[in-house]
Amino acid sequence: MATLKRNSEVSVGISFKGECWDLVIDFDAYAEQRSSHGWFCRLCAEQGKQELFPSRDALFVAHGLEPFLSWANESFTPETWVCALDPAGRPGLS
């Protein structure tokens, strides 16, 4: 399951029969507007890296969707298997 949240986060988790079993990875972007000069990610600014984007959507694509696409293409190949165990330790998905 992949979830998009308010143009700020892409999360990938494992859900089985309506129950969330695990969060696999997430890509966060905390968008803030710098007057009329554009949008930036607060998380990056806190680390001393600040790139301005023309819109909130452009920031979200660069920080959420593009990293998700790269991760998915690298992680899920024909020879890749995903196995999850439920909280009680019984085999679930494979």
PDB file of N, CA and C in Angstrom:
ATOM      1  N   MET A   1       0.842  -1.159   0.000  1.00  0.00           N
ATOM      2  CA  MET A   1       0.000   0.000   0.000  1.00  0.00           C
ATOM      3  C   MET A   1       0.892   1.229   0.000  1.00  0.00           C
ATOM      4  N   ALA A   2       0.603   2.166  -0.861  1.00  0.00           N
ATOM      5  CA  ALA A   2       1.302   3.446  -0.879  1.00  0.00           C
ATOM      6  C   ALA A   2       0.290   4.537  -0.565  1.00  0.00           C
ATOM      7  N   THR A   3       0.689   5.489   0.254  1.00  0.00           N
ATOM      8  CA  THR A   3      -0.213   6.537   0.693  1.00  0.00           C
ATOM      9  C   THR A   3       0.395   7.896   0.417  1.00  0.00           C
ATOM     10  N   LEU A   4      -0.384   8.805  -0.118  1.00  0.00           N
ATOM     11  CA  LEU A   4       0.020  10.192  -0.304  1.00  0.00           C
ATOM     12  C   LEU A   4      -0.705  11.013   0.749  1.00  0.00           C
ATOM     13  N   LYS A   5       0.029  11.836   1.481  1.00  0.00           N
ATOM     14  CA  LYS A   5      -0.588  12.641   2.532  1.00  0.00           C
ATOM     15  C   LYS A   5      -0.367  14.127   2.292  1.00  0.00           C
ATOM     16  N   ARG A   6      -1.432  14.868   2.046  1.00  0.00           N
ATOM     17  CA  ARG A   6      -1.439  16.333   1.996  1.00  0.00           C
ATOM     18  C   ARG A   6      -0.230  16.949   1.317  1.00  0.00           C
ATOM     19  N   ASN A   7       0.204  16.401   0.213  1.00  0.00           N
ATOM     20  CA  ASN A   7       1.383  16.939  -0.491  1.00  0.00           C
ATOM     21  C   ASN A   7       2.588  17.087   0.423  1.00  0.00           C
ATOM     22  N   SER A   8       2.759  16.171   1.352  1.00  0.00           N
ATOM     23  CA  SER A   8       3.911  16.265   2.237  1.00  0.00           C
ATOM     24  C   SER A   8       4.609  14.931   2.455  1.00  0.00           C
ATOM     25  N   GLU A   9       3.992  13.838   2.103  1.00  0.00           N
ATOM     26  CA  GLU A   9       4.580  12.546   2.446  1.00  0.00           C
ATOM     27  C   GLU A   9       4.090  11.452   1.504  1.00  0.00           C
ATOM     28  N   VAL A  10       5.002  10.567   1.125  1.00  0.00           N
ATOM     29  CA  VAL A  10       4.653   9.322   0.450  1.00  0.00           C
ATOM     30  C   VAL A  10       5.094   8.218   1.395  1.00  0.00           C
ATOM     31  N   SER A  11       4.163   7.381   1.802  1.00  0.00           N
ATOM     32  CA  SER A  11       4.462   6.276   2.717  1.00  0.00           C
ATOM     33  C   SER A  11       4.127   4.959   2.050  1.00  0.00           C
ATOM     34  N   VAL A  12       4.945   3.954   2.310  1.00  0.00           N
ATOM     35  CA  VAL A  12       4.699   2.613   1.799  1.00  0.00           C
ATOM     36  C   VAL A  12       4.641   1.680   2.994  1.00  0.00           C
ATOM     37  N   GLY A  13       3.553   0.960   3.089  1.00  0.00           N
ATOM     38  CA  GLY A  13       3.383   0.026   4.196  1.00  0.00           C
ATOM     39  C   GLY A  13       2.823  -1.291   3.701  1.00  0.00           C
ATOM     40  N   ILE A  14       2.781  -2.251   4.590  1.00  0.00           N
ATOM     41  CA  ILE A  14       2.211  -3.556   4.283  1.00  0.00           C
ATOM     42  C   ILE A  14       0.912  -3.675   5.061  1.00  0.00           C
ATOM     43  N   SER A  15      -0.155  -3.939   4.331  1.00  0.00           N
ATOM     44  CA  SER A  15      -1.478  -4.096   4.924  1.00  0.00           C
ATOM     45  C   SER A  15      -2.059  -5.417   4.440  1.00  0.00           C
ATOM     46  N   PHE A  16      -2.696  -6.146   5.354  1.00  0.00           N
ATOM     47  CA  PHE A  16      -3.282  -7.441   5.005  1.00  0.00           C
ATOM     48  C   PHE A  16      -4.642  -7.549   5.666  1.00  0.00           C
ATOM     49  N   LYS A  17      -5.662  -7.787   4.857  1.00  0.00           N
ATOM     50  CA  LYS A  17      -7.038  -7.899   5.344  1.00  0.00           C
ATOM     51  C   LYS A  17      -7.433  -6.689   6.187  1.00  0.00           C
ATOM     52  N   GLY A  18      -7.051  -5.511   5.709  1.00  0.00           N
ATOM     53  CA  GLY A  18      -7.440  -4.267   6.364  1.00  0.00           C
ATOM     54  C   GLY A  18      -6.616  -3.891   7.582  1.00  0.00           C
ATOM     55  N   GLU A  19      -5.614  -4.667   7.933  1.00  0.00           N
ATOM     56  CA  GLU A  19      -4.777  -4.378   9.096  1.00  0.00           C
ATOM     57  C   GLU A  19      -3.377  -3.976   8.637  1.00  0.00           C
ATOM     58  N   CYS A  20      -2.900  -2.834   9.105  1.00  0.00           N
ATOM     59  CA  CYS A  20      -1.547  -2.398   8.773  1.00  0.00           C
ATOM     60  C   CYS A  20      -0.548  -3.202   9.594  1.00  0.00           C
ATOM     61  N   TRP A  21       0.361  -3.866   8.910  1.00  0.00           N
ATOM     62  CA  TRP A  21       1.339  -4.689   9.589  1.00  0.00           C
ATOM     63  C   TRP A  21       2.666  -3.978   9.803  1.00  0.00           C
ATOM     64  N   ASP A  22       3.068  -3.159   8.843  1.00  0.00           N
ATOM     65  CA  ASP A  22       4.389  -2.545   8.970  1.00  0.00           C
ATOM     66  C   ASP A  22       4.502  -1.356   8.025  1.00  0.00           C
ATOM     67  N   LEU A  23       5.291  -0.373   8.422  1.00  0.00           N
ATOM     68  CA  LEU A  23       5.663   0.734   7.558  1.00  0.00           C
ATOM     69  C   LEU A  23       7.015   0.392   6.966  1.00  0.00           C
ATOM     70  N   VAL A  24       7.111   0.409   5.646  1.00  0.00           N
ATOM     71  CA  VAL A  24       8.339   0.008   4.963  1.00  0.00           C
ATOM     72  C   VAL A  24       9.266   1.207   4.770  1.00  0.00           C
ATOM     73  N   ILE A  25       8.738   2.302   4.241  1.00  0.00           N
ATOM     74  CA  ILE A  25       9.567   3.486   3.971  1.00  0.00           C
ATOM     75  C   ILE A  25       8.642   4.680   3.798  1.00  0.00           C
ATOM     76  N   ASP A  26       9.160   5.862   4.082  1.00  0.00           N
ATOM     77  CA  ASP A  26       8.398   7.061   3.777  1.00  0.00           C
ATOM     78  C   ASP A  26       9.335   8.170   3.326  1.00  0.00           C
ATOM     79  N   PHE A  27       8.788   9.050   2.520  1.00  0.00           N
ATOM     80  CA  PHE A  27       9.528  10.178   1.970  1.00  0.00           C
ATOM     81  C   PHE A  27       8.785  11.440   2.388  1.00  0.00           C
ATOM     82  N   ASP A  28       9.399  12.241   3.244  1.00  0.00           N
ATOM     83  CA  ASP A  28       8.753  13.417   3.808  1.00  0.00           C
ATOM     84  C   ASP A  28       9.238  14.699   3.162  1.00  0.00           C
ATOM     85  N   ALA A  29       8.341  15.665   3.106  1.00  0.00           N
ATOM     86  CA  ALA A  29       8.677  17.026   2.700  1.00  0.00           C
ATOM     87  C   ALA A  29       7.752  17.947   3.486  1.00  0.00           C
ATOM     88  N   TYR A  30       8.318  18.862   4.231  1.00  0.00           N
ATOM     89  CA  TYR A  30       7.517  19.816   4.986  1.00  0.00           C
ATOM     90  C   TYR A  30       7.607  21.155   4.280  1.00  0.00           C
ATOM     91  N   ALA A  31       6.602  21.421   3.455  1.00  0.00           N
ATOM     92  CA  ALA A  31       6.607  22.598   2.596  1.00  0.00           C
ATOM     93  C   ALA A  31       6.279  23.865   3.371  1.00  0.00           C
ATOM     94  N   GLU A  32       7.079  24.884   3.129  1.00  0.00           N
ATOM     95  CA  GLU A  32       6.816  26.216   3.660  1.00  0.00           C
ATOM     96  C   GLU A  32       7.071  27.215   2.545  1.00  0.00           C
ATOM     97  N   GLN A  33       6.284  28.280   2.542  1.00  0.00           N
ATOM     98  CA  GLN A  33       6.428  29.285   1.493  1.00  0.00           C
ATOM     99  C   GLN A  33       7.303  30.422   1.978  1.00  0.00           C
ATOM    100  N   ARG A  34       8.234  30.818   1.142  1.00  0.00           N
ATOM    101  CA  ARG A  34       9.125  31.934   1.427  1.00  0.00           C
ATOM    102  C   ARG A  34       8.625  33.126   0.635  1.00  0.00           C
ATOM    103  N   SER A  35       7.687  33.866   1.184  1.00  0.00           N
ATOM    104  CA  SER A  35       7.003  35.002   0.540  1.00  0.00           C
ATOM    105  C   SER A  35       6.698  34.662  -0.918  1.00  0.00           C
ATOM    106  N   SER A  36       7.046  35.515  -1.833  1.00  0.00           N
ATOM    107  CA  SER A  36       6.743  35.243  -3.242  1.00  0.00           C
ATOM    108  C   SER A  36       7.908  34.569  -3.965  1.00  0.00           C
ATOM    109  N   HIS A  37       8.951  34.218  -3.224  1.00  0.00           N
ATOM    110  CA  HIS A  37      10.150  33.641  -3.850  1.00  0.00           C
ATOM    111  C   HIS A  37      10.041  32.139  -4.086  1.00  0.00           C
ATOM    112  N   GLY A  38       9.030  31.497  -3.547  1.00  0.00           N
ATOM    113  CA  GLY A  38       8.856  30.078  -3.787  1.00  0.00           C
ATOM    114  C   GLY A  38       8.692  29.272  -2.513  1.00  0.00           C
ATOM    115  N   TRP A  39       8.713  27.976  -2.679  1.00  0.00           N
ATOM    116  CA  TRP A  39       8.509  27.013  -1.596  1.00  0.00           C
ATOM    117  C   TRP A  39       9.810  26.293  -1.286  1.00  0.00           C
ATOM    118  N   PHE A  40       9.972  25.913  -0.015  1.00  0.00           N
ATOM    119  CA  PHE A  40      11.154  25.147   0.389  1.00  0.00           C
ATOM    120  C   PHE A  40      10.738  24.082   1.395  1.00  0.00           C
ATOM    121  N   CYS A  41      11.616  23.102   1.593  1.00  0.00           N
ATOM    122  CA  CYS A  41      11.381  22.030   2.561  1.00  0.00           C
ATOM    123  C   CYS A  41      12.040  22.420   3.877  1.00  0.00           C
ATOM    124  N   ARG A  42      11.232  22.485   4.929  1.00  0.00           N
ATOM    125  CA  ARG A  42      11.757  22.851   6.250  1.00  0.00           C
ATOM    126  C   ARG A  42      12.799  21.837   6.746  1.00  0.00           C
ATOM    127  N   LEU A  43      12.600  20.552   6.451  1.00  0.00           N
ATOM    128  CA  LEU A  43      13.563  19.531   6.876  1.00  0.00           C
ATOM    129  C   LEU A  43      14.934  19.776   6.254  1.00  0.00           C
ATOM    130  N   CYS A  44      14.954  20.125   4.971  1.00  0.00           N
ATOM    131  CA  CYS A  44      16.226  20.413   4.298  1.00  0.00           C
ATOM    132  C   CYS A  44      16.854  21.683   4.852  1.00  0.00           C
ATOM    133  N   ALA A  45      16.034  22.705   5.083  1.00  0.00           N
ATOM    134  CA  ALA A  45      16.548  23.972   5.620  1.00  0.00           C
ATOM    135  C   ALA A  45      17.199  23.764   6.986  1.00  0.00           C
ATOM    136  N   GLU A  46      16.627  22.887   7.796  1.00  0.00           N
ATOM    137  CA  GLU A  46      17.201  22.592   9.118  1.00  0.00           C
ATOM    138  C   GLU A  46      18.565  21.920   9.001  1.00  0.00           C
ATOM    139  N   GLN A  47      18.830  21.281   7.863  1.00  0.00           N
ATOM    140  CA  GLN A  47      20.117  20.619   7.629  1.00  0.00           C
ATOM    141  C   GLN A  47      21.056  21.500   6.804  1.00  0.00           C
ATOM    142  N   GLY A  48      20.673  22.751   6.615  1.00  0.00           N
ATOM    143  CA  GLY A  48      21.531  23.686   5.893  1.00  0.00           C
ATOM    144  C   GLY A  48      21.421  23.618   4.387  1.00  0.00           C
ATOM    145  N   LYS A  49      20.478  22.838   3.879  1.00  0.00           N
ATOM    146  CA  LYS A  49      20.262  22.731   2.438  1.00  0.00           C
ATOM    147  C   LYS A  49      18.901  23.343   2.139  1.00  0.00           C
ATOM    148  N   GLN A  50      18.889  24.359   1.315  1.00  0.00           N
ATOM    149  CA  GLN A  50      17.608  24.979   1.009  1.00  0.00           C
ATOM    150  C   GLN A  50      17.502  25.259  -0.477  1.00  0.00           C
ATOM    151  N   GLU A  51      16.617  24.526  -1.123  1.00  0.00           N
ATOM    152  CA  GLU A  51      16.343  24.719  -2.534  1.00  0.00           C
ATOM    153  C   GLU A  51      14.930  25.272  -2.653  1.00  0.00           C
ATOM    154  N   LEU A  52      14.762  26.299  -3.453  1.00  0.00           N
ATOM    155  CA  LEU A  52      13.441  26.887  -3.656  1.00  0.00           C
ATOM    156  C   LEU A  52      12.753  26.243  -4.854  1.00  0.00           C
ATOM    157  N   PHE A  53      11.449  26.036  -4.730  1.00  0.00           N
ATOM    158  CA  PHE A  53      10.633  25.441  -5.782  1.00  0.00           C
ATOM    159  C   PHE A  53       9.534  26.427  -6.155  1.00  0.00           C
ATOM    160  N   PRO A  54       9.114  26.448  -7.424  1.00  0.00           N
ATOM    161  CA  PRO A  54       8.108  27.419  -7.853  1.00  0.00           C
ATOM    162  C   PRO A  54       6.722  27.173  -7.257  1.00  0.00           C
ATOM    163  N   SER A  55       6.457  25.936  -6.828  1.00  0.00           N
ATOM    164  CA  SER A  55       5.150  25.617  -6.251  1.00  0.00           C
ATOM    165  C   SER A  55       5.306  24.510  -5.213  1.00  0.00           C
ATOM    166  N   ARG A  56       4.274  24.372  -4.396  1.00  0.00           N
ATOM    167  CA  ARG A  56       4.259  23.292  -3.408  1.00  0.00           C
ATOM    168  C   ARG A  56       4.253  21.937  -4.121  1.00  0.00           C
ATOM    169  N   ASP A  57       3.514  21.853  -5.218  1.00  0.00           N
ATOM    170  CA  ASP A  57       3.473  20.600  -5.980  1.00  0.00           C
ATOM    171  C   ASP A  57       4.849  20.219  -6.518  1.00  0.00           C
ATOM    172  N   ALA A  58       5.603  21.199  -7.009  1.00  0.00           N
ATOM    173  CA  ALA A  58       6.948  20.922  -7.535  1.00  0.00           C
ATOM    174  C   ALA A  58       7.858  20.396  -6.428  1.00  0.00           C
ATOM    175  N   LEU A  59       7.741  20.960  -5.243  1.00  0.00           N
ATOM    176  CA  LEU A  59       8.530  20.479  -4.105  1.00  0.00           C
ATOM    177  C   LEU A  59       8.147  19.032  -3.780  1.00  0.00           C
ATOM    178  N   PHE A  60       6.851  18.750  -3.764  1.00  0.00           N
ATOM    179  CA  PHE A  60       6.385  17.410  -3.444  1.00  0.00           C
ATOM    180  C   PHE A  60       6.852  16.381  -4.472  1.00  0.00           C
ATOM    181  N   VAL A  61       6.830  16.750  -5.739  1.00  0.00           N
ATOM    182  CA  VAL A  61       7.317  15.837  -6.782  1.00  0.00           C
ATOM    183  C   VAL A  61       8.795  15.535  -6.555  1.00  0.00           C
ATOM    184  N   ALA A  62       9.598  16.571  -6.286  1.00  0.00           N
ATOM    185  CA  ALA A  62      11.047  16.398  -6.104  1.00  0.00           C
ATOM    186  C   ALA A  62      11.389  15.642  -4.828  1.00  0.00           C
ATOM    187  N   HIS A  63      10.635  15.845  -3.761  1.00  0.00           N
ATOM    188  CA  HIS A  63      10.979  15.249  -2.463  1.00  0.00           C
ATOM    189  C   HIS A  63      10.201  13.989  -2.130  1.00  0.00           C
ATOM    190  N   GLY A  64       9.077  13.778  -2.784  1.00  0.00           N
ATOM    191  CA  GLY A  64       8.259  12.617  -2.469  1.00  0.00           C
ATOM    192  C   GLY A  64       8.127  11.640  -3.610  1.00  0.00           C
ATOM    193  N   LEU A  65       7.597  12.104  -4.725  1.00  0.00           N
ATOM    194  CA  LEU A  65       7.292  11.183  -5.819  1.00  0.00           C
ATOM    195  C   LEU A  65       8.525  10.672  -6.552  1.00  0.00           C
ATOM    196  N   GLU A  66       9.479  11.541  -6.862  1.00  0.00           N
ATOM    197  CA  GLU A  66      10.684  11.079  -7.567  1.00  0.00           C
ATOM    198  C   GLU A  66      11.515  10.113  -6.719  1.00  0.00           C
ATOM    199  N   PRO A  67      11.761  10.411  -5.418  1.00  0.00           N
ATOM    200  CA  PRO A  67      12.490   9.428  -4.597  1.00  0.00           C
ATOM    201  C   PRO A  67      11.721   8.102  -4.464  1.00  0.00           C
ATOM    202  N   PHE A  68      10.390   8.184  -4.359  1.00  0.00           N
ATOM    203  CA  PHE A  68       9.587   6.961  -4.281  1.00  0.00           C
ATOM    204  C   PHE A  68       9.745   6.128  -5.547  1.00  0.00           C
ATOM    205  N   LEU A  69       9.669   6.773  -6.704  1.00  0.00           N
ATOM    206  CA  LEU A  69       9.819   6.059  -7.965  1.00  0.00           C
ATOM    207  C   LEU A  69      11.192   5.403  -8.068  1.00  0.00           C
ATOM    208  N   SER A  70      12.248   6.120  -7.718  1.00  0.00           N
ATOM    209  CA  SER A  70      13.605   5.536  -7.742  1.00  0.00           C
ATOM    210  C   SER A  70      13.705   4.343  -6.805  1.00  0.00           C
ATOM    211  N   TRP A  71      13.191   4.497  -5.576  1.00  0.00           N
ATOM    212  CA  TRP A  71      13.230   3.414  -4.596  1.00  0.00           C
ATOM    213  C   TRP A  71      12.460   2.196  -5.101  1.00  0.00           C
ATOM    214  N   ALA A  72      11.265   2.420  -5.639  1.00  0.00           N
ATOM    215  CA  ALA A  72      10.447   1.306  -6.124  1.00  0.00           C
ATOM    216  C   ALA A  72      11.127   0.576  -7.276  1.00  0.00           C
ATOM    217  N   ASN A  73      11.712   1.321  -8.218  1.00  0.00           N
ATOM    218  CA  ASN A  73      12.383   0.690  -9.355  1.00  0.00           C
ATOM    219  C   ASN A  73      13.626  -0.092  -8.930  1.00  0.00           C
ATOM    220  N   GLU A  74      14.322   0.381  -7.904  1.00  0.00           N
ATOM    221  CA  GLU A  74      15.515  -0.323  -7.418  1.00  0.00           C
ATOM    222  C   GLU A  74      15.150  -1.502  -6.525  1.00  0.00           C
ATOM    223  N   SER A  75      14.066  -1.380  -5.768  1.00  0.00           N
ATOM    224  CA  SER A  75      13.719  -2.390  -4.762  1.00  0.00           C
ATOM    225  C   SER A  75      12.896  -3.543  -5.305  1.00  0.00           C
ATOM    226  N   PHE A  76      12.049  -3.277  -6.277  1.00  0.00           N
ATOM    227  CA  PHE A  76      11.130  -4.305  -6.746  1.00  0.00           C
ATOM    228  C   PHE A  76      11.493  -4.733  -8.160  1.00  0.00           C
ATOM    229  N   THR A  77      12.209  -5.820  -8.205  1.00  0.00           N
ATOM    230  CA  THR A  77      12.621  -6.424  -9.463  1.00  0.00           C
ATOM    231  C   THR A  77      11.926  -7.788  -9.571  1.00  0.00           C
ATOM    232  N   PRO A  78      11.951  -8.421 -10.739  1.00  0.00           N
ATOM    233  CA  PRO A  78      11.280  -9.726 -10.864  1.00  0.00           C
ATOM    234  C   PRO A  78      11.768 -10.771  -9.864  1.00  0.00           C
ATOM    235  N   GLU A  79      13.015 -10.656  -9.412  1.00  0.00           N
ATOM    236  CA  GLU A  79      13.522 -11.654  -8.471  1.00  0.00           C
ATOM    237  C   GLU A  79      13.347 -11.256  -7.006  1.00  0.00           C
ATOM    238  N   THR A  80      12.652 -10.164  -6.751  1.00  0.00           N
ATOM    239  CA  THR A  80      12.443  -9.695  -5.382  1.00  0.00           C
ATOM    240  C   THR A  80      11.170 -10.306  -4.793  1.00  0.00           C
ATOM    241  N   TRP A  81      11.278 -10.753  -3.552  1.00  0.00           N
ATOM    242  CA  TRP A  81      10.130 -11.275  -2.819  1.00  0.00           C
ATOM    243  C   TRP A  81       9.945 -10.438  -1.565  1.00  0.00           C
ATOM    244  N   VAL A  82       8.703 -10.268  -1.174  1.00  0.00           N
ATOM    245  CA  VAL A  82       8.386  -9.586   0.075  1.00  0.00           C
ATOM    246  C   VAL A  82       7.663 -10.584   0.956  1.00  0.00           C
ATOM    247  N   CYS A  83       8.140 -10.752   2.167  1.00  0.00           N
ATOM    248  CA  CYS A  83       7.500 -11.648   3.121  1.00  0.00           C
ATOM    249  C   CYS A  83       7.235 -10.858   4.395  1.00  0.00           C
ATOM    250  N   ALA A  84       6.030 -10.949   4.889  1.00  0.00           N
ATOM    251  CA  ALA A  84       5.673 -10.239   6.118  1.00  0.00           C
ATOM    252  C   ALA A  84       5.114 -11.229   7.125  1.00  0.00           C
ATOM    253  N   LEU A  85       5.391 -10.971   8.386  1.00  0.00           N
ATOM    254  CA  LEU A  85       4.842 -11.783   9.469  1.00  0.00           C
ATOM    255  C   LEU A  85       3.842 -10.948  10.237  1.00  0.00           C
ATOM    256  N   ASP A  86       2.734 -11.562  10.632  1.00  0.00           N
ATOM    257  CA  ASP A  86       1.769 -10.804  11.415  1.00  0.00           C
ATOM    258  C   ASP A  86       2.313 -10.615  12.827  1.00  0.00           C
ATOM    259  N   PRO A  87       1.693  -9.780  13.634  1.00  0.00           N
ATOM    260  CA  PRO A  87       2.210  -9.508  14.983  1.00  0.00           C
ATOM    261  C   PRO A  87       2.400 -10.755  15.843  1.00  0.00           C
ATOM    262  N   ALA A  88       1.639 -11.828  15.560  1.00  0.00           N
ATOM    263  CA  ALA A  88       1.779 -13.066  16.321  1.00  0.00           C
ATOM    264  C   ALA A  88       2.884 -13.959  15.763  1.00  0.00           C
ATOM    265  N   GLY A  89       3.526 -13.542  14.660  1.00  0.00           N
ATOM    266  CA  GLY A  89       4.636 -14.300  14.097  1.00  0.00           C
ATOM    267  C   GLY A  89       4.235 -15.354  13.081  1.00  0.00           C
ATOM    268  N   ARG A  90       2.964 -15.420  12.715  1.00  0.00           N
ATOM    269  CA  ARG A  90       2.526 -16.407  11.725  1.00  0.00           C
ATOM    270  C   ARG A  90       2.849 -15.881  10.328  1.00  0.00           C
ATOM    271  N   PRO A  91       3.209 -16.760   9.379  1.00  0.00           N
ATOM    272  CA  PRO A  91       3.449 -16.304   8.003  1.00  0.00           C
ATOM    273  C   PRO A  91       2.204 -15.653   7.436  1.00  0.00           C
ATOM    274  N   GLY A  92       2.431 -14.619   6.666  1.00  0.00           N
ATOM    275  CA  GLY A  92       1.300 -13.899   6.090  1.00  0.00           C
ATOM    276  C   GLY A  92       1.405 -13.796   4.598  1.00  0.00           C
ATOM    277  N   LEU A  93       2.072 -12.770   4.116  1.00  0.00           N
ATOM    278  CA  LEU A  93       2.194 -12.519   2.690  1.00  0.00           C
ATOM    279  C   LEU A  93       3.525 -13.006   2.181  1.00  0.00           C
ATOM    280  N   SER A  94       3.564 -13.456   0.966  1.00  0.00           N
ATOM    281  CA  SER A  94       4.845 -13.785   0.337  1.00  0.00           C
ATOM    282  C   SER A  94       4.746 -13.611  -1.148  1.00  0.00           C
TER     283      SER A  94
END
